[in-house]
Amino acid sequence: MVKRWGENGPTFKKKNHYCLTTILLFWIVFEFWNFSKSRTYENEVNWIINGSLAFFGARMIQLVCQVNPMFQELVNYLKSKSSKTDVIENESSEENK
């Protein structure tokens, strides 16, 4: 069963608020670093910016997978295959005892 936004979790409005607040905070950090003359924390700021981009990239992929029915079917198929594999492994390990 696919959980949709609003079912047992934050609503779309709350998630949108969280994402926009996070983007704003990272943007403020970047602009502060960009306009400061000191490059003391250049590696740390680059790490924060790259981490935030990776996070939001993963969230975008998650959103596409939740909305697109083709990806939902793929996830269900992979889950069914993994559960069959687990059952086969459990049966073979019981036989070896």
N, C-alpha and C. Protein backbone atom coordinates (compact mmCIF):
# COMPACT_ATOMS: atom_id res chain seq x y z
N MET A 1 0.84 -1.17 0.00
CA MET A 1 0.00 0.00 0.00
C MET A 1 0.88 1.24 0.00
N VAL A 2 0.60 2.15 -0.87
CA VAL A 2 1.38 3.37 -0.99
C VAL A 2 0.79 4.44 -0.11
N LYS A 3 1.62 5.01 0.76
CA LYS A 3 1.14 6.10 1.61
C LYS A 3 1.21 7.40 0.82
N ARG A 4 0.16 8.14 0.90
CA ARG A 4 0.11 9.42 0.23
C ARG A 4 0.34 10.52 1.25
N TRP A 5 0.69 11.69 0.75
CA TRP A 5 0.88 12.81 1.66
C TRP A 5 -0.41 13.09 2.38
N GLY A 6 -0.30 13.35 3.68
CA GLY A 6 -1.48 13.64 4.47
C GLY A 6 -1.99 12.43 5.23
N GLU A 7 -1.58 11.23 4.85
CA GLU A 7 -1.98 10.02 5.56
C GLU A 7 -0.89 9.64 6.54
N ASN A 8 -1.17 9.76 7.81
CA ASN A 8 -0.22 9.41 8.87
C ASN A 8 1.11 10.14 8.72
N GLY A 9 1.07 11.37 8.36
CA GLY A 9 2.29 12.15 8.21
C GLY A 9 1.96 13.60 7.96
N PRO A 10 3.00 14.40 7.79
CA PRO A 10 2.77 15.82 7.55
C PRO A 10 2.00 16.06 6.25
N THR A 11 1.22 17.10 6.25
CA THR A 11 0.47 17.45 5.06
C THR A 11 1.41 18.07 4.03
N PHE A 12 0.91 18.21 2.81
CA PHE A 12 1.72 18.80 1.75
C PHE A 12 2.13 20.22 2.12
N LYS A 13 1.22 20.97 2.75
CA LYS A 13 1.52 22.35 3.14
C LYS A 13 2.69 22.39 4.13
N LYS A 14 2.69 21.47 5.10
CA LYS A 14 3.78 21.43 6.07
C LYS A 14 5.09 21.01 5.41
N LYS A 15 5.04 20.00 4.54
CA LYS A 15 6.26 19.56 3.86
C LYS A 15 6.82 20.67 2.99
N ASN A 16 5.92 21.39 2.32
CA ASN A 16 6.34 22.51 1.49
C ASN A 16 7.01 23.58 2.36
N HIS A 17 6.44 23.85 3.52
CA HIS A 17 7.02 24.83 4.44
C HIS A 17 8.41 24.39 4.91
N TYR A 18 8.56 23.11 5.27
CA TYR A 18 9.87 22.59 5.71
C TYR A 18 10.91 22.73 4.61
N CYS A 19 10.54 22.34 3.39
CA CYS A 19 11.49 22.39 2.28
C CYS A 19 11.89 23.83 1.96
N LEU A 20 10.93 24.72 1.91
CA LEU A 20 11.25 26.12 1.60
C LEU A 20 12.10 26.75 2.69
N THR A 21 11.82 26.43 3.94
CA THR A 21 12.63 26.96 5.05
C THR A 21 14.05 26.45 4.95
N THR A 22 14.21 25.16 4.65
CA THR A 22 15.55 24.59 4.53
C THR A 22 16.31 25.21 3.36
N ILE A 23 15.64 25.38 2.23
CA ILE A 23 16.28 26.01 1.08
C ILE A 23 16.71 27.42 1.42
N LEU A 24 15.84 28.16 2.11
CA LEU A 24 16.17 29.53 2.51
C LEU A 24 17.39 29.58 3.42
N LEU A 25 17.45 28.66 4.39
CA LEU A 25 18.60 28.63 5.30
C LEU A 25 19.90 28.32 4.57
N PHE A 26 19.87 27.34 3.67
CA PHE A 26 21.08 27.02 2.91
C PHE A 26 21.47 28.17 1.99
N TRP A 27 20.49 28.86 1.44
CA TRP A 27 20.77 30.00 0.58
C TRP A 27 21.40 31.13 1.39
N ILE A 28 20.92 31.37 2.62
CA ILE A 28 21.51 32.39 3.48
C ILE A 28 22.96 32.04 3.82
N VAL A 29 23.21 30.78 4.14
CA VAL A 29 24.58 30.35 4.43
C VAL A 29 25.48 30.58 3.22
N PHE A 30 25.00 30.20 2.04
CA PHE A 30 25.80 30.38 0.84
C PHE A 30 26.07 31.86 0.56
N GLU A 31 25.05 32.71 0.67
CA GLU A 31 25.23 34.14 0.40
C GLU A 31 26.15 34.79 1.42
N PHE A 32 26.04 34.39 2.68
CA PHE A 32 26.95 34.91 3.71
C PHE A 32 28.38 34.55 3.36
N TRP A 33 28.60 33.30 2.97
CA TRP A 33 29.94 32.86 2.61
C TRP A 33 30.41 33.54 1.33
N ASN A 34 29.51 33.72 0.37
CA ASN A 34 29.86 34.29 -0.92
C ASN A 34 30.31 35.75 -0.78
N PHE A 35 29.65 36.52 0.10
CA PHE A 35 29.99 37.93 0.23
C PHE A 35 31.07 38.20 1.27
N SER A 36 31.42 37.22 2.09
CA SER A 36 32.51 37.43 3.05
C SER A 36 33.84 37.28 2.33
N LYS A 37 34.81 38.01 2.78
CA LYS A 37 36.14 37.98 2.15
C LYS A 37 36.97 36.80 2.66
N SER A 38 36.63 36.30 3.84
CA SER A 38 37.40 35.21 4.44
C SER A 38 36.98 33.88 3.82
N ARG A 39 37.94 33.10 3.41
CA ARG A 39 37.68 31.78 2.85
C ARG A 39 38.15 30.69 3.82
N THR A 40 38.08 30.99 5.13
CA THR A 40 38.55 30.06 6.15
C THR A 40 37.76 28.76 6.13
N TYR A 41 36.46 28.86 5.96
CA TYR A 41 35.60 27.68 6.04
C TYR A 41 35.10 27.24 4.67
N GLU A 42 35.93 27.39 3.66
CA GLU A 42 35.51 27.07 2.30
C GLU A 42 35.14 25.59 2.15
N ASN A 43 35.94 24.70 2.70
CA ASN A 43 35.65 23.26 2.59
C ASN A 43 34.35 22.89 3.29
N GLU A 44 34.11 23.46 4.47
CA GLU A 44 32.90 23.17 5.21
C GLU A 44 31.65 23.68 4.48
N VAL A 45 31.74 24.88 3.94
CA VAL A 45 30.61 25.45 3.21
C VAL A 45 30.33 24.64 1.94
N ASN A 46 31.38 24.23 1.25
CA ASN A 46 31.19 23.38 0.06
C ASN A 46 30.52 22.05 0.44
N TRP A 47 30.92 21.48 1.58
CA TRP A 47 30.32 20.24 2.04
C TRP A 47 28.84 20.43 2.36
N ILE A 48 28.50 21.54 3.01
CA ILE A 48 27.10 21.82 3.35
C ILE A 48 26.28 22.01 2.08
N ILE A 49 26.80 22.77 1.13
CA ILE A 49 26.06 23.02 -0.11
C ILE A 49 25.88 21.74 -0.91
N ASN A 50 26.94 20.95 -1.05
CA ASN A 50 26.83 19.69 -1.78
C ASN A 50 25.90 18.71 -1.08
N GLY A 51 25.94 18.69 0.24
CA GLY A 51 25.04 17.82 1.00
C GLY A 51 23.59 18.21 0.82
N SER A 52 23.34 19.52 0.84
CA SER A 52 21.96 19.97 0.66
C SER A 52 21.46 19.68 -0.75
N LEU A 53 22.32 19.83 -1.75
CA LEU A 53 21.92 19.50 -3.11
C LEU A 53 21.63 18.01 -3.26
N ALA A 54 22.44 17.18 -2.62
CA ALA A 54 22.20 15.74 -2.67
C ALA A 54 20.89 15.39 -1.97
N PHE A 55 20.62 16.03 -0.84
CA PHE A 55 19.39 15.78 -0.10
C PHE A 55 18.17 16.13 -0.94
N PHE A 56 18.18 17.32 -1.54
CA PHE A 56 17.03 17.73 -2.32
C PHE A 56 16.92 16.96 -3.64
N GLY A 57 18.03 16.51 -4.16
CA GLY A 57 17.96 15.63 -5.33
C GLY A 57 17.29 14.32 -4.98
N ALA A 58 17.64 13.76 -3.82
CA ALA A 58 17.01 12.51 -3.37
C ALA A 58 15.53 12.72 -3.10
N ARG A 59 15.17 13.85 -2.51
CA ARG A 59 13.75 14.14 -2.26
C ARG A 59 12.98 14.28 -3.57
N MET A 60 13.60 14.86 -4.59
CA MET A 60 12.94 15.00 -5.88
C MET A 60 12.70 13.63 -6.50
N ILE A 61 13.69 12.74 -6.41
CA ILE A 61 13.52 11.38 -6.93
C ILE A 61 12.42 10.67 -6.16
N GLN A 62 12.39 10.85 -4.84
CA GLN A 62 11.35 10.23 -4.02
C GLN A 62 9.97 10.74 -4.42
N LEU A 63 9.84 12.03 -4.67
CA LEU A 63 8.56 12.60 -5.08
C LEU A 63 8.11 12.03 -6.42
N VAL A 64 9.02 11.94 -7.38
CA VAL A 64 8.67 11.39 -8.69
C VAL A 64 8.25 9.94 -8.54
N CYS A 65 8.94 9.19 -7.71
CA CYS A 65 8.60 7.78 -7.51
C CYS A 65 7.24 7.62 -6.84
N GLN A 66 6.88 8.53 -5.94
CA GLN A 66 5.60 8.44 -5.26
C GLN A 66 4.45 8.82 -6.18
N VAL A 67 4.67 9.75 -7.09
CA VAL A 67 3.60 10.24 -7.93
C VAL A 67 3.40 9.37 -9.17
N ASN A 68 4.47 8.87 -9.74
CA ASN A 68 4.40 8.13 -10.99
C ASN A 68 3.99 6.67 -10.74
N PRO A 69 2.87 6.21 -11.31
CA PRO A 69 2.42 4.84 -11.07
C PRO A 69 3.40 3.77 -11.59
N MET A 70 4.15 4.09 -12.64
CA MET A 70 5.10 3.12 -13.18
C MET A 70 6.17 2.80 -12.13
N PHE A 71 6.66 3.80 -11.43
CA PHE A 71 7.66 3.57 -10.40
C PHE A 71 7.05 2.83 -9.21
N GLN A 72 5.80 3.11 -8.89
CA GLN A 72 5.13 2.40 -7.80
C GLN A 72 5.03 0.92 -8.11
N GLU A 73 4.70 0.59 -9.34
CA GLU A 73 4.64 -0.82 -9.74
C GLU A 73 6.01 -1.47 -9.70
N LEU A 74 7.05 -0.73 -10.10
CA LEU A 74 8.41 -1.26 -10.04
C LEU A 74 8.82 -1.55 -8.60
N VAL A 75 8.51 -0.64 -7.69
CA VAL A 75 8.84 -0.83 -6.27
C VAL A 75 8.10 -2.05 -5.73
N ASN A 76 6.82 -2.17 -6.05
CA ASN A 76 6.05 -3.33 -5.59
C ASN A 76 6.62 -4.63 -6.15
N TYR A 77 7.03 -4.61 -7.42
CA TYR A 77 7.64 -5.79 -8.03
C TYR A 77 8.94 -6.17 -7.32
N LEU A 78 9.79 -5.17 -7.07
CA LEU A 78 11.06 -5.45 -6.39
C LEU A 78 10.84 -5.95 -4.98
N LYS A 79 9.83 -5.41 -4.28
CA LYS A 79 9.52 -5.88 -2.93
C LYS A 79 9.04 -7.33 -2.97
N SER A 80 8.23 -7.67 -3.95
CA SER A 80 7.74 -9.04 -4.05
C SER A 80 8.89 -10.00 -4.35
N LYS A 81 9.82 -9.58 -5.20
CA LYS A 81 10.97 -10.43 -5.51
C LYS A 81 11.86 -10.60 -4.28
N SER A 82 12.05 -9.54 -3.50
CA SER A 82 12.92 -9.65 -2.32
C SER A 82 12.27 -10.53 -1.26
N SER A 83 10.94 -10.47 -1.12
CA SER A 83 10.29 -11.32 -0.12
C SER A 83 10.36 -12.78 -0.53
N LYS A 84 10.27 -13.08 -1.84
CA LYS A 84 10.42 -14.45 -2.30
C LYS A 84 11.84 -14.95 -2.06
N THR A 85 12.81 -14.08 -2.26
CA THR A 85 14.20 -14.45 -2.02
C THR A 85 14.43 -14.73 -0.54
N ASP A 86 13.83 -13.92 0.34
CA ASP A 86 13.97 -14.14 1.78
C ASP A 86 13.38 -15.48 2.19
N VAL A 87 12.22 -15.84 1.61
CA VAL A 87 11.58 -17.11 1.94
C VAL A 87 12.46 -18.27 1.49
N ILE A 88 13.03 -18.18 0.30
CA ILE A 88 13.90 -19.24 -0.21
C ILE A 88 15.15 -19.37 0.66
N GLU A 89 15.74 -18.26 1.06
CA GLU A 89 16.92 -18.31 1.91
C GLU A 89 16.60 -18.90 3.27
N ASN A 90 15.45 -18.56 3.83
CA ASN A 90 15.06 -19.11 5.14
C ASN A 90 14.83 -20.62 5.05
N GLU A 91 14.20 -21.08 3.96
CA GLU A 91 13.96 -22.51 3.79
C GLU A 91 15.27 -23.27 3.62
N SER A 92 16.22 -22.71 2.87
CA SER A 92 17.49 -23.39 2.66
C SER A 92 18.30 -23.42 3.93
N SER A 93 18.23 -22.38 4.75
CA SER A 93 19.00 -22.37 6.00
C SER A 93 18.40 -23.36 7.00
N GLU A 94 17.07 -23.54 6.99
CA GLU A 94 16.45 -24.52 7.88
C GLU A 94 16.80 -25.94 7.46
N GLU A 95 16.95 -26.18 6.16
CA GLU A 95 17.32 -27.50 5.68
C GLU A 95 18.74 -27.86 6.06
N ASN A 96 19.62 -26.85 6.13
CA ASN A 96 21.02 -27.11 6.45
C ASN A 96 21.24 -27.40 7.93
N LYS A 97 20.27 -27.16 8.76
CA LYS A 97 20.44 -27.37 10.22
C LYS A 97 20.46 -28.80 10.59
